[in-house]
């Protein structure tokens, strides 16, 4: 009798879905002082859990459940079962627990399997693909997305007489999962998930938690997956429980029957850490087996500056006949990070991430922009030999630019990109971005200056030298202007005609003085002749 080969697995954090029902009669009848005490202790418990003050690592979130199955979900992810156990018993010590009963619970553990990367499990082997290595890490230690809607369900793989998942050869199972994952990729940036194994821990084999801002996206995804053989032939499901996330400080509004979250600005607050390590992983991870590819769909920060200030600047530039793009691009969301690392080293790292980003339809472009003329784009592995631009001094930073069709995808990409070597800051932020440990950087604050970045100057090849020379001339003018701090011309390492300009000033008014100058008007007119098209995006920070 042939014994089928199971994929190897590695486990990460334990996951507890703790579903509670509220004894509403008891809550209404309780004296005000009892309710006040229960509310205070409940908020303290939930806030501490979301901040993971009980452990060195972890995530927690609070949800108001919909329907009769439960009223409240507290979702915990922690490194050890001891941590989970302490959280369970800790809740029972609160005065709030007196007014609740456990409606349901589900225990599981995050995992990666050989379906994702057999290389990961080879003796003494290291995953060379930087993107895959980071993705595996986020599968083992995921972050909980800030999405409002959550849907949880347990599932098994079918073991019937006609269709038995575990009787299929390994390669056939892997093919099923690959096909299944292609559907999930189409929802990257709209639906994210945490899949955790529960064989031997709970009644089913896996727990699936889906997150989205639009509940119909979850419905559409699952409906489409129903028609895939991996589901239609081999999947069995438990019951579904759905809810809406709210911050712990609004527990009082929840218990009072008021709308939550009460204010749009409260949704997407800290939520246990806006960790830009991008632990939000995607719908490509296949139901029932921890495998897939990173697609980049939530965590981190992009954009920059005050929206009203940006809009006023754009309006003023428009009156001057100067195109000023859109706040986050005409049709894309941009992430821009700056690194002090060597551009060749950075390019190699980014290339690994981009390979994984390219699996997803929401990815538009990710590229490394180095100081002008510091090197020609790499051809046949050889570095260029031109001299650096005069404006590309030793303090010039290398920019990593990543464009996505959705904000959620851009945010998650920012988390992964934040782990690149020697990241010093992120455009629109006043400090270096958070790394994999969730800690913010200590880079110099930029809130005392004002920046503008004209992105994607696609230059006609025959005018490239003219463009660079004109920029050098402009640099001499800028150096003498009051309030000017620094301007760099950066070039895409893979396309020497793709330019990126970053400029920083003491104040918005100092920059506007330049925009109003005859020299800038001449530059705009010059650009009409030498650019393939107008700048795709102007980023104000």
Protein backbone atom coordinates (compact mmCIF):
# COMPACT_ATOMS: atom_id res chain seq x y z
CA UNK A 1 0.00 0.00 0.00
CA UNK A 2 1.40 3.38 -1.03
CA UNK A 3 1.63 6.02 1.67
CA UNK A 4 1.12 9.54 0.39
CA UNK A 5 3.80 12.11 1.22
CA UNK A 6 2.53 14.86 3.58
CA UNK A 7 4.00 18.33 3.20
CA UNK A 8 6.26 19.47 6.01
CA UNK A 9 5.02 22.29 8.18
CA UNK A 10 6.51 24.87 10.49
CA UNK A 11 4.40 26.55 13.13
CA UNK A 12 4.41 30.14 14.34
CA UNK A 13 1.98 31.99 16.59
CA UNK A 14 -1.05 30.45 18.30
CA UNK A 15 -4.45 31.90 17.43
CA UNK A 16 -7.54 32.08 19.64
CA UNK A 17 -10.92 33.26 18.42
CA UNK A 18 -12.79 33.97 21.67
CA UNK A 19 -16.50 34.48 20.96
CA UNK A 20 -18.64 35.94 23.75
CA UNK A 21 -22.36 36.50 24.22
CA UNK A 22 -23.55 39.41 26.35
CA UNK A 23 -26.21 38.86 29.00
CA UNK A 24 -28.12 41.94 27.96
CA UNK A 25 -30.81 41.59 30.64
CA UNK A 26 -28.18 41.43 33.37
CA UNK A 27 -26.33 44.38 31.85
CA UNK A 28 -29.44 46.58 31.69
CA UNK A 29 -30.48 45.67 35.24
CA UNK A 30 -27.05 46.18 36.81
CA UNK A 31 -26.45 49.24 39.01
CA UNK A 32 -24.65 52.07 37.25
CA UNK A 33 -21.58 51.72 39.46
CA UNK A 34 -21.27 48.02 38.49
CA UNK A 35 -21.59 48.79 34.80
CA UNK A 36 -19.06 51.61 35.09
CA UNK A 37 -16.56 49.31 36.77
CA UNK A 38 -17.15 46.53 34.23
CA UNK A 39 -16.76 48.96 31.36
CA UNK A 40 -13.51 50.39 32.71
CA UNK A 41 -11.99 46.97 33.32
CA UNK A 42 -13.17 45.74 29.92
CA UNK A 43 -11.57 48.67 28.10
CA UNK A 44 -8.35 48.22 30.06
CA UNK A 45 -8.22 44.50 29.21
CA UNK A 46 -8.97 44.93 25.49
CA UNK A 47 -6.57 47.88 25.11
CA UNK A 48 -3.76 46.02 26.85
CA UNK A 49 -4.40 42.97 24.68
CA UNK A 50 -4.28 45.01 21.48
CA UNK A 51 -1.02 46.57 22.66
CA UNK A 52 0.29 43.07 23.52
CA UNK A 53 1.56 44.28 26.89
CA UNK A 54 1.36 40.68 28.12
CA UNK A 55 3.97 39.31 25.69
CA UNK A 56 7.03 40.33 23.71
CA UNK A 57 5.14 39.77 20.44
CA UNK A 58 1.58 39.34 19.33
CA UNK A 59 -1.60 40.89 17.98
CA UNK A 60 -5.18 41.23 19.26
CA UNK A 61 -8.35 42.83 17.92
CA UNK A 62 -11.95 43.37 19.05
CA UNK A 63 -15.05 42.86 16.91
CA UNK A 64 -18.79 43.34 17.33
CA UNK A 65 -20.39 40.18 15.96
CA UNK A 66 -23.46 40.16 13.72
CA UNK A 67 -26.36 37.75 14.17
CA UNK A 68 -27.30 35.41 17.02
CA UNK A 69 -24.14 33.27 17.25
CA UNK A 70 -22.15 35.71 19.38
CA UNK A 71 -21.98 39.37 20.38
CA UNK A 72 -18.26 39.92 20.79
CA UNK A 73 -15.08 38.44 19.32
CA UNK A 74 -11.68 38.99 20.85
CA UNK A 75 -9.04 37.67 18.46
CA UNK A 76 -5.61 36.88 19.92
CA UNK A 77 -2.33 35.87 18.28
CA UNK A 78 0.55 35.03 20.63
CA UNK A 79 3.85 33.13 20.46
CA UNK A 80 2.94 30.48 23.06
CA UNK A 81 -0.07 28.60 24.39
CA UNK A 82 0.86 29.91 27.82
CA UNK A 83 0.28 33.44 26.51
CA UNK A 84 -3.11 32.42 25.12
CA UNK A 85 -4.07 30.67 28.34
CA UNK A 86 -3.18 33.72 30.42
CA UNK A 87 -5.26 35.98 28.15
CA UNK A 88 -8.30 33.71 28.48
CA UNK A 89 -8.10 33.61 32.26
CA UNK A 90 -7.25 37.29 32.42
CA UNK A 91 -10.55 38.18 30.82
CA UNK A 92 -12.41 36.05 33.34
CA UNK A 93 -10.89 38.18 36.11
CA UNK A 94 -12.53 41.35 34.79
CA UNK A 95 -15.87 42.65 36.02
CA UNK A 96 -17.05 42.63 32.41
CA UNK A 97 -16.80 38.83 32.27
CA UNK A 98 -19.67 38.60 34.75
CA UNK A 99 -21.98 39.85 32.00
CA UNK A 100 -20.72 37.48 29.29
CA UNK A 101 -20.81 33.81 28.42
CA UNK A 102 -18.50 32.08 25.97
CA UNK A 103 -20.56 31.38 22.85
CA UNK A 104 -17.78 29.62 20.95
CA UNK A 105 -14.03 29.52 20.55
CA UNK A 106 -11.45 28.24 18.11
CA UNK A 107 -7.80 27.41 18.76
CA UNK A 108 -5.22 27.07 15.98
CA UNK A 109 -1.63 27.92 15.08
CA UNK A 110 -0.17 29.77 12.10
CA UNK A 111 1.91 27.64 9.77
CA UNK A 112 3.78 27.41 6.50
CA UNK A 113 3.96 24.19 4.53
CA UNK A 114 5.97 22.50 1.83
CA UNK A 115 3.31 23.47 -0.68
CA UNK A 116 4.64 27.01 -0.38
CA UNK A 117 8.38 26.34 -0.46
CA UNK A 118 10.00 22.93 -0.18
CA UNK A 119 13.35 24.74 -0.17
CA UNK A 120 12.43 26.22 3.22
CA UNK A 121 12.43 22.74 4.79
CA UNK A 122 15.65 21.41 3.31
CA UNK A 123 18.41 20.68 5.82
CA UNK A 124 20.76 23.65 6.26
CA UNK A 125 19.02 25.43 3.37
CA UNK A 126 18.22 29.12 3.28
CA UNK A 127 15.50 30.72 1.20
CA UNK A 128 17.45 32.99 -1.13
CA UNK A 129 14.37 34.77 -2.46
CA UNK A 130 14.15 37.83 -0.22
CA UNK A 131 10.47 38.37 -0.91
CA UNK A 132 9.58 34.74 -0.19
CA UNK A 133 11.64 34.76 3.01
CA UNK A 134 9.83 37.83 4.30
CA UNK A 135 6.48 36.43 3.22
CA UNK A 136 7.10 33.19 5.15
CA UNK A 137 7.92 35.27 8.21
CA UNK A 138 4.64 37.15 7.96
CA UNK A 139 2.74 33.88 7.58
CA UNK A 140 4.22 32.67 10.86
CA UNK A 141 3.82 36.02 12.63
CA UNK A 142 0.92 37.80 10.94
CA UNK A 143 -0.56 41.17 11.72
CA UNK A 144 -4.29 41.74 11.96
CA UNK A 145 -5.48 44.13 9.22
CA UNK A 146 -7.31 47.34 10.08
CA UNK A 147 -10.21 46.27 7.84
CA UNK A 148 -13.64 46.80 9.34
CA UNK A 149 -15.29 43.50 8.36
CA UNK A 150 -14.21 40.04 9.54
CA UNK A 151 -15.49 36.60 8.58
CA UNK A 152 -14.32 33.44 10.34
CA UNK A 153 -14.99 29.81 9.49
CA UNK A 154 -13.32 26.45 10.15
CA UNK A 155 -12.77 23.93 7.37
CA UNK A 156 -11.61 20.43 6.55
CA UNK A 157 -10.32 18.71 3.44
CA UNK A 158 -12.76 16.00 2.36
CA UNK A 159 -11.96 12.37 3.07
CA UNK A 160 -14.83 10.61 1.31
CA UNK A 161 -14.91 7.40 -0.66
CA UNK A 162 -15.09 9.20 -4.00
CA UNK A 163 -13.04 12.30 -3.20
CA UNK A 164 -10.26 11.99 -0.66
CA UNK A 165 -7.81 14.89 -0.53
CA UNK A 166 -5.28 12.92 1.46
CA UNK A 167 -5.22 10.12 -1.07
CA UNK A 168 -4.03 12.43 -3.88
CA UNK A 169 -0.35 12.48 -4.88
CA UNK A 170 1.62 15.47 -3.60
CA UNK A 171 2.03 17.06 -7.03
CA UNK A 172 -1.70 16.85 -7.74
CA UNK A 173 -2.50 18.51 -4.40
CA UNK A 174 0.04 21.23 -5.14
CA UNK A 175 -1.53 21.85 -8.56
CA UNK A 176 -4.98 22.17 -7.00
CA UNK A 177 -3.70 24.71 -4.51
CA UNK A 178 -1.88 26.69 -7.17
CA UNK A 179 -5.05 26.96 -9.23
CA UNK A 180 -7.01 27.88 -6.13
CA UNK A 181 -4.51 30.61 -5.29
CA UNK A 182 -4.88 32.26 -8.69
CA UNK A 183 -8.43 33.20 -7.71
CA UNK A 184 -7.22 34.77 -4.48
CA UNK A 185 -4.67 36.91 -6.31
CA UNK A 186 -7.51 38.70 -8.07
CA UNK A 187 -8.70 39.95 -4.67
CA UNK A 188 -5.29 41.14 -3.47
CA UNK A 189 -5.66 44.50 -1.78
CA UNK A 190 -9.36 43.95 -1.13
CA UNK A 191 -9.49 40.79 0.99
CA UNK A 192 -6.75 39.59 3.33
CA UNK A 193 -6.65 36.44 5.39
CA UNK A 194 -5.07 34.51 8.20
CA UNK A 195 -5.14 30.73 7.76
CA UNK A 196 -4.05 28.65 10.74
CA UNK A 197 -3.79 24.91 11.30
CA UNK A 198 -5.89 23.22 13.98
CA UNK A 199 -5.36 19.49 13.52
CA UNK A 200 -5.21 18.13 17.04
CA UNK A 201 -6.10 21.52 18.51
CA UNK A 202 -9.77 21.94 17.60
CA UNK A 203 -12.66 20.26 15.77
CA UNK A 204 -11.63 21.13 12.23
CA UNK A 205 -8.31 21.05 10.38
CA UNK A 206 -7.93 24.76 9.65
CA UNK A 207 -9.36 28.08 10.71
CA UNK A 208 -9.81 30.79 8.07
CA UNK A 209 -10.21 34.46 9.02
CA UNK A 210 -10.95 36.89 6.18
CA UNK A 211 -10.74 40.67 6.48
CA UNK A 212 -12.15 43.34 4.14
CA UNK A 213 -13.60 46.82 4.21
CA UNK A 214 -16.43 45.71 1.90
CA UNK A 215 -18.21 42.51 3.05
CA UNK A 216 -19.36 41.76 -0.49
CA UNK A 217 -15.72 41.31 -1.51
CA UNK A 218 -15.52 38.36 0.91
CA UNK A 219 -18.80 37.00 -0.46
CA UNK A 220 -17.62 37.33 -4.06
CA UNK A 221 -14.28 35.68 -3.31
CA UNK A 222 -15.80 32.67 -1.56
CA UNK A 223 -18.51 32.33 -4.19
CA UNK A 224 -15.93 32.24 -6.96
CA UNK A 225 -13.80 29.74 -5.06
CA UNK A 226 -16.80 27.42 -4.69
CA UNK A 227 -16.44 26.61 -8.37
CA UNK A 228 -12.78 25.66 -8.09
CA UNK A 229 -12.20 21.87 -7.73
CA UNK A 230 -10.04 22.40 -4.68
CA UNK A 231 -13.22 23.61 -2.96
CA UNK A 232 -16.05 21.95 -4.88
CA UNK A 233 -14.52 18.47 -4.59
CA UNK A 234 -12.37 18.60 -1.51
CA UNK A 235 -13.57 21.24 1.00
CA UNK A 236 -15.91 20.91 3.99
CA UNK A 237 -16.89 23.97 6.03
CA UNK A 238 -18.09 24.72 9.52
CA UNK A 239 -20.33 27.65 10.35
CA UNK A 240 -19.46 31.21 9.46
CA UNK A 241 -19.30 34.04 12.01
CA UNK A 242 -19.06 37.66 10.86
CA UNK A 243 -18.43 40.93 12.64
CA UNK A 244 -17.16 44.51 12.53
CA UNK A 245 -14.03 45.80 14.17
CA UNK A 246 -14.12 48.59 16.72
CA UNK A 247 -11.49 50.18 18.99
CA UNK A 248 -11.56 49.13 22.67
CA UNK A 249 -12.25 52.69 23.85
CA UNK A 250 -15.66 52.44 22.14
CA UNK A 251 -16.74 49.45 24.22
CA UNK A 252 -19.21 51.74 25.99
CA UNK A 253 -20.85 52.67 22.70
CA UNK A 254 -21.02 48.97 21.78
CA UNK A 255 -22.75 48.07 25.05
CA UNK A 256 -25.09 51.06 24.74
CA UNK A 257 -26.24 49.96 21.28
CA UNK A 258 -24.77 52.99 19.59
CA UNK A 259 -23.19 52.92 16.09
CA UNK A 260 -19.55 51.79 16.03
CA UNK A 261 -16.97 52.81 15.11
CA UNK A 262 -18.47 56.18 16.00
CA UNK A 263 -16.11 58.29 13.93
CA UNK A 264 -14.28 57.45 10.71
CA UNK A 265 -11.02 58.74 12.17
CA UNK A 266 -11.25 56.21 14.99
CA UNK A 267 -11.30 53.32 12.56
CA UNK A 268 -7.79 52.50 11.52
CA UNK A 269 -6.26 53.86 14.72
CA UNK A 270 -3.40 52.07 16.39
CA UNK A 271 -5.25 48.74 16.56
CA UNK A 272 -2.47 46.96 18.33
CA UNK A 273 0.29 48.52 16.27
CA UNK A 274 0.39 50.02 12.80
CA UNK A 275 3.37 47.82 12.22
CA UNK A 276 4.75 48.35 8.77
CA UNK A 277 6.28 44.92 8.71
CA UNK A 278 3.34 44.10 6.50
CA UNK A 279 2.04 41.08 8.32
CA UNK A 280 -1.21 41.29 6.38
CA UNK A 281 -0.99 38.47 4.00
CA UNK A 282 -3.21 37.71 1.15
CA UNK A 283 -6.00 35.78 -0.35
CA UNK A 284 -3.61 33.80 -2.49
CA UNK A 285 -2.76 31.59 0.49
CA UNK A 286 -4.72 28.49 -0.25
CA UNK A 287 -7.64 27.42 1.93
CA UNK A 288 -6.71 24.45 4.02
CA UNK A 289 -2.98 24.53 3.28
CA UNK A 290 -0.55 27.23 4.23
CA UNK A 291 0.97 27.98 0.86
CA UNK A 292 1.06 30.86 -1.60
CA UNK A 293 2.94 34.01 -2.55
CA UNK A 294 3.07 37.43 -0.99
CA UNK A 295 0.99 39.99 -2.82
CA UNK A 296 1.26 43.05 -0.67
CA UNK A 297 -2.06 44.22 0.62
CA UNK A 298 -1.98 46.11 3.93
CA UNK A 299 0.28 47.85 6.80
CA UNK A 300 2.63 50.80 6.64
CA UNK A 301 2.09 54.35 5.48
CA UNK A 302 2.18 56.10 2.16
CA UNK A 303 1.29 59.50 0.93
CA UNK A 304 2.33 62.63 2.72
CA UNK A 305 1.51 66.07 3.92
CA UNK A 306 -1.70 67.77 4.91
CA UNK A 307 -4.48 67.13 2.38
CA UNK A 308 -5.78 70.71 2.45
CA UNK A 309 -2.30 72.13 2.05
CA UNK A 310 -1.61 69.77 -0.85
CA UNK A 311 -4.85 70.75 -2.56
CA UNK A 312 -4.15 74.47 -2.20
CA UNK A 313 -0.70 74.02 -3.71
CA UNK A 314 -2.12 72.04 -6.62
CA UNK A 315 -4.75 74.69 -7.26
CA UNK A 316 -2.15 77.44 -7.25
CA UNK A 317 0.10 75.51 -9.62
CA UNK A 318 -2.85 74.81 -11.89
CA UNK A 319 -3.59 78.54 -12.09
CA UNK A 320 0.00 78.98 -13.23
CA UNK A 321 -0.53 76.39 -15.95
CA UNK A 322 1.59 73.78 -14.17
CA UNK A 323 0.36 70.20 -13.95
CA UNK A 324 0.53 69.01 -10.33
CA UNK A 325 -0.74 65.46 -10.48
CA UNK A 326 -3.03 63.99 -7.84
CA UNK A 327 -2.47 63.44 -4.10
CA UNK A 328 -1.59 59.80 -4.60
CA UNK A 329 -1.18 59.64 -8.35
CA UNK A 330 -3.64 59.76 -11.21
CA UNK A 331 -4.62 56.14 -10.95
CA UNK A 332 -2.17 54.63 -8.48
CA UNK A 333 -1.11 54.69 -4.84
CA UNK A 334 2.56 55.40 -4.27
CA UNK A 335 5.06 54.34 -1.64
CA UNK A 336 8.41 56.15 -1.62
CA UNK A 337 11.20 55.20 0.78
CA UNK A 338 14.76 56.52 0.90
CA UNK A 339 17.83 54.41 1.65
CA UNK A 340 21.46 55.16 2.34
CA UNK A 341 22.45 51.75 0.97
CA UNK A 342 24.41 51.23 -2.24
CA UNK A 343 21.95 51.34 -5.14
CA UNK A 344 23.29 48.09 -6.63
CA UNK A 345 22.77 46.24 -3.34
CA UNK A 346 19.35 47.80 -2.96
CA UNK A 347 18.38 46.85 -6.50
CA UNK A 348 19.17 43.21 -5.80
CA UNK A 349 17.00 43.22 -2.68
CA UNK A 350 14.13 45.04 -4.38
CA UNK A 351 14.25 42.66 -7.32
CA UNK A 352 13.47 39.78 -4.97
CA UNK A 353 10.44 41.59 -3.57
CA UNK A 354 9.27 42.69 -7.00
CA UNK A 355 9.24 39.11 -8.25
CA UNK A 356 6.57 38.38 -5.66
CA UNK A 357 4.75 41.68 -6.15
CA UNK A 358 4.41 40.89 -9.85
CA UNK A 359 2.17 37.93 -9.02
CA UNK A 360 -0.62 40.36 -8.27
CA UNK A 361 -2.78 42.41 -10.59
CA UNK A 362 -2.76 45.38 -8.20
CA UNK A 363 1.01 45.86 -8.60
CA UNK A 364 1.91 48.56 -11.12
CA UNK A 365 5.62 49.11 -10.65
CA UNK A 366 8.48 48.89 -8.15
CA UNK A 367 11.86 50.37 -9.01
CA UNK A 368 15.08 51.73 -7.53
CA UNK A 369 16.08 55.28 -8.40
CA UNK A 370 19.71 56.20 -7.84
CA UNK A 371 21.60 59.51 -8.01
CA UNK A 372 21.73 60.93 -11.52
CA UNK A 373 24.55 59.58 -13.66
CA UNK A 374 26.10 57.71 -10.74
CA UNK A 375 25.82 54.66 -12.95
CA UNK A 376 24.17 53.68 -16.17
CA UNK A 377 21.38 51.15 -15.84
CA UNK A 378 22.89 47.66 -15.50
CA UNK A 379 23.46 45.94 -18.80
CA UNK A 380 24.69 42.35 -18.85
CA UNK A 381 25.60 42.70 -15.19
CA UNK A 382 28.08 45.57 -15.83
CA UNK A 383 28.01 48.86 -13.99
CA UNK A 384 28.09 52.12 -15.92
CA UNK A 385 31.07 54.43 -15.99
CA UNK A 386 29.69 57.96 -16.19
CA UNK A 387 30.63 60.52 -13.59
CA UNK A 388 28.10 61.40 -10.90
CA UNK A 389 25.92 64.45 -11.31
CA UNK A 390 27.14 67.51 -9.44
CA UNK A 391 23.86 67.57 -7.56
CA UNK A 392 24.14 63.89 -6.65
CA UNK A 393 26.54 64.49 -3.79
CA UNK A 394 27.67 62.03 -1.18
CA UNK A 395 24.49 62.76 0.80
CA UNK A 396 22.17 61.84 -2.05
CA UNK A 397 19.79 59.07 -1.09
CA UNK A 398 18.51 56.25 -3.21
CA UNK A 399 14.74 56.07 -3.59
CA UNK A 400 12.59 52.95 -3.77
CA UNK A 401 9.28 53.66 -5.47
CA UNK A 402 6.39 51.20 -5.46
CA UNK A 403 3.06 51.86 -7.19
CA UNK A 404 -0.16 49.93 -6.59
CA UNK A 405 -3.74 50.19 -7.78
CA UNK A 406 -5.17 50.04 -4.26
CA UNK A 407 -4.25 51.83 -1.06
CA UNK A 408 -4.33 48.62 0.97
CA UNK A 409 -1.85 46.92 -1.36
CA UNK A 410 0.42 49.96 -1.21
CA UNK A 411 0.30 49.93 2.58
CA UNK A 412 1.29 46.28 2.82
CA UNK A 413 4.07 46.77 0.26
CA UNK A 414 5.37 49.62 2.43
CA UNK A 415 5.74 47.18 5.29
CA UNK A 416 7.90 44.82 3.28
CA UNK A 417 9.91 47.62 1.71
CA UNK A 418 10.59 49.07 5.15
CA UNK A 419 12.83 46.07 5.85
CA UNK A 420 15.18 46.94 2.99
CA UNK A 421 18.77 47.87 3.92
CA UNK A 422 19.46 51.26 5.53
CA UNK A 423 16.01 52.79 5.06
CA UNK A 424 16.26 56.29 6.52
CA UNK A 425 12.78 57.65 5.96
CA UNK A 426 9.52 57.26 4.11
CA UNK A 427 8.02 60.05 2.06
CA UNK A 428 5.28 61.75 4.02
CA UNK A 429 6.56 60.51 7.37
CA UNK A 430 8.70 62.40 9.88
CA UNK A 431 10.75 59.35 10.89
CA UNK A 432 12.18 56.26 9.34
CA UNK A 433 9.43 53.66 8.76
CA UNK A 434 8.81 50.74 11.05
CA UNK A 435 10.85 47.63 10.43
CA UNK A 436 10.00 44.00 10.97
CA UNK A 437 10.08 44.51 14.73
CA UNK A 438 7.41 47.19 14.46
CA UNK A 439 9.68 49.84 15.96
CA UNK A 440 9.73 53.25 14.38
CA UNK A 441 13.01 54.61 13.14
CA UNK A 442 14.94 57.44 14.69
CA UNK A 443 15.68 59.33 11.51
CA UNK A 444 15.68 63.11 11.48
CA UNK A 445 12.32 64.76 11.70
CA UNK A 446 11.13 66.51 8.56
CA UNK A 447 8.18 68.40 10.00
CA UNK A 448 10.23 71.60 9.93
CA UNK A 449 10.62 71.44 6.16
CA UNK A 450 8.47 71.04 3.07
CA UNK A 451 9.08 68.73 0.16
CA UNK A 452 7.88 68.19 -3.37
CA UNK A 453 8.73 65.28 -5.62
CA UNK A 454 7.92 65.21 -9.30
CA UNK A 455 7.81 61.54 -10.15
CA UNK A 456 8.20 59.74 -13.45
CA UNK A 457 9.64 62.23 -15.85
CA UNK A 458 9.70 59.97 -18.89
CA UNK A 459 12.31 61.66 -21.09
CA UNK A 460 12.57 61.17 -24.82
CA UNK A 461 15.81 59.18 -25.34
CA UNK A 462 17.25 61.72 -27.76
CA UNK A 463 16.79 64.49 -25.17
CA UNK A 464 18.07 62.68 -22.11
CA UNK A 465 21.38 64.54 -22.00
CA UNK A 466 19.57 67.85 -22.53
CA UNK A 467 17.29 67.06 -19.59
CA UNK A 468 20.20 66.23 -17.30
CA UNK A 469 22.17 69.29 -18.38
CA UNK A 470 19.13 71.52 -17.80
CA UNK A 471 18.67 70.02 -14.36
CA UNK A 472 22.31 70.85 -13.57
CA UNK A 473 21.69 74.44 -14.62
CA UNK A 474 18.56 74.55 -12.47
CA UNK A 475 20.61 73.19 -9.59
CA UNK A 476 22.90 76.16 -9.69
CA UNK A 477 19.87 78.46 -9.51
CA UNK A 478 18.32 76.47 -6.68
CA UNK A 479 21.52 76.60 -4.64
CA UNK A 480 21.23 80.39 -4.44
CA UNK A 481 17.51 80.43 -3.59
CA UNK A 482 16.42 81.31 -0.07
CA UNK A 483 14.88 78.38 1.77
CA UNK A 484 16.22 75.70 -0.57
CA UNK A 485 17.74 72.72 1.23
CA UNK A 486 18.36 69.96 -1.26
CA UNK A 487 17.31 68.71 -4.69
CA UNK A 488 18.26 65.37 -6.21
CA UNK A 489 17.75 63.99 -9.69
CA UNK A 490 17.33 60.23 -9.39
CA UNK A 491 17.33 57.77 -12.28
CA UNK A 492 15.67 54.37 -12.59
CA UNK A 493 18.48 51.81 -12.58
CA UNK A 494 16.69 49.83 -15.27
CA UNK A 495 15.56 52.68 -17.50
CA UNK A 496 17.86 55.69 -17.83
CA UNK A 497 15.05 57.73 -19.38
CA UNK A 498 12.84 57.36 -16.30
CA UNK A 499 13.64 60.23 -13.91
CA UNK A 500 12.61 61.14 -10.39
CA UNK A 501 13.17 64.52 -8.74
CA UNK A 502 13.11 65.07 -4.97
CA UNK A 503 13.37 68.58 -3.55
CA UNK A 504 13.18 69.90 0.00
CA UNK A 505 12.63 73.44 1.26
CA UNK A 506 12.43 75.29 4.55
CA UNK A 507 8.77 76.04 3.92
CA UNK A 508 5.96 75.72 1.43
CA UNK A 509 6.24 79.43 0.59
CA UNK A 510 9.93 79.05 -0.25
CA UNK A 511 9.10 76.32 -2.74
CA UNK A 512 6.22 78.33 -4.20
CA UNK A 513 8.59 81.24 -4.81
CA UNK A 514 10.56 78.94 -7.10
CA UNK A 515 7.40 77.68 -8.81
CA UNK A 516 6.42 81.26 -9.52
CA UNK A 517 9.82 82.18 -10.97
CA UNK A 518 10.61 82.72 -14.64
CA UNK A 519 13.25 80.01 -14.38
CA UNK A 520 10.62 77.43 -13.43
CA UNK A 521 8.30 78.62 -16.20
CA UNK A 522 11.14 78.13 -18.67
CA UNK A 523 11.74 74.65 -17.27
CA UNK A 524 8.06 73.75 -17.75
CA UNK A 525 8.16 74.98 -21.33
CA UNK A 526 11.38 73.06 -21.94
CA UNK A 527 9.73 69.92 -20.59
CA UNK A 528 6.98 70.06 -23.19
CA UNK A 529 9.61 69.34 -25.84
CA UNK A 530 11.83 66.77 -24.14
CA UNK A 531 9.35 64.64 -22.14
CA UNK A 532 7.46 61.69 -23.59
CA UNK A 533 4.46 62.77 -21.52
CA UNK A 534 3.72 65.07 -18.63
CA UNK A 535 4.88 63.90 -15.21
CA UNK A 536 2.65 61.07 -14.13
CA UNK A 537 2.57 62.10 -10.50
CA UNK A 538 3.67 64.95 -8.30
CA UNK A 539 4.06 63.98 -4.65
CA UNK A 540 3.81 66.72 -2.04
CA UNK A 541 4.97 65.97 1.49
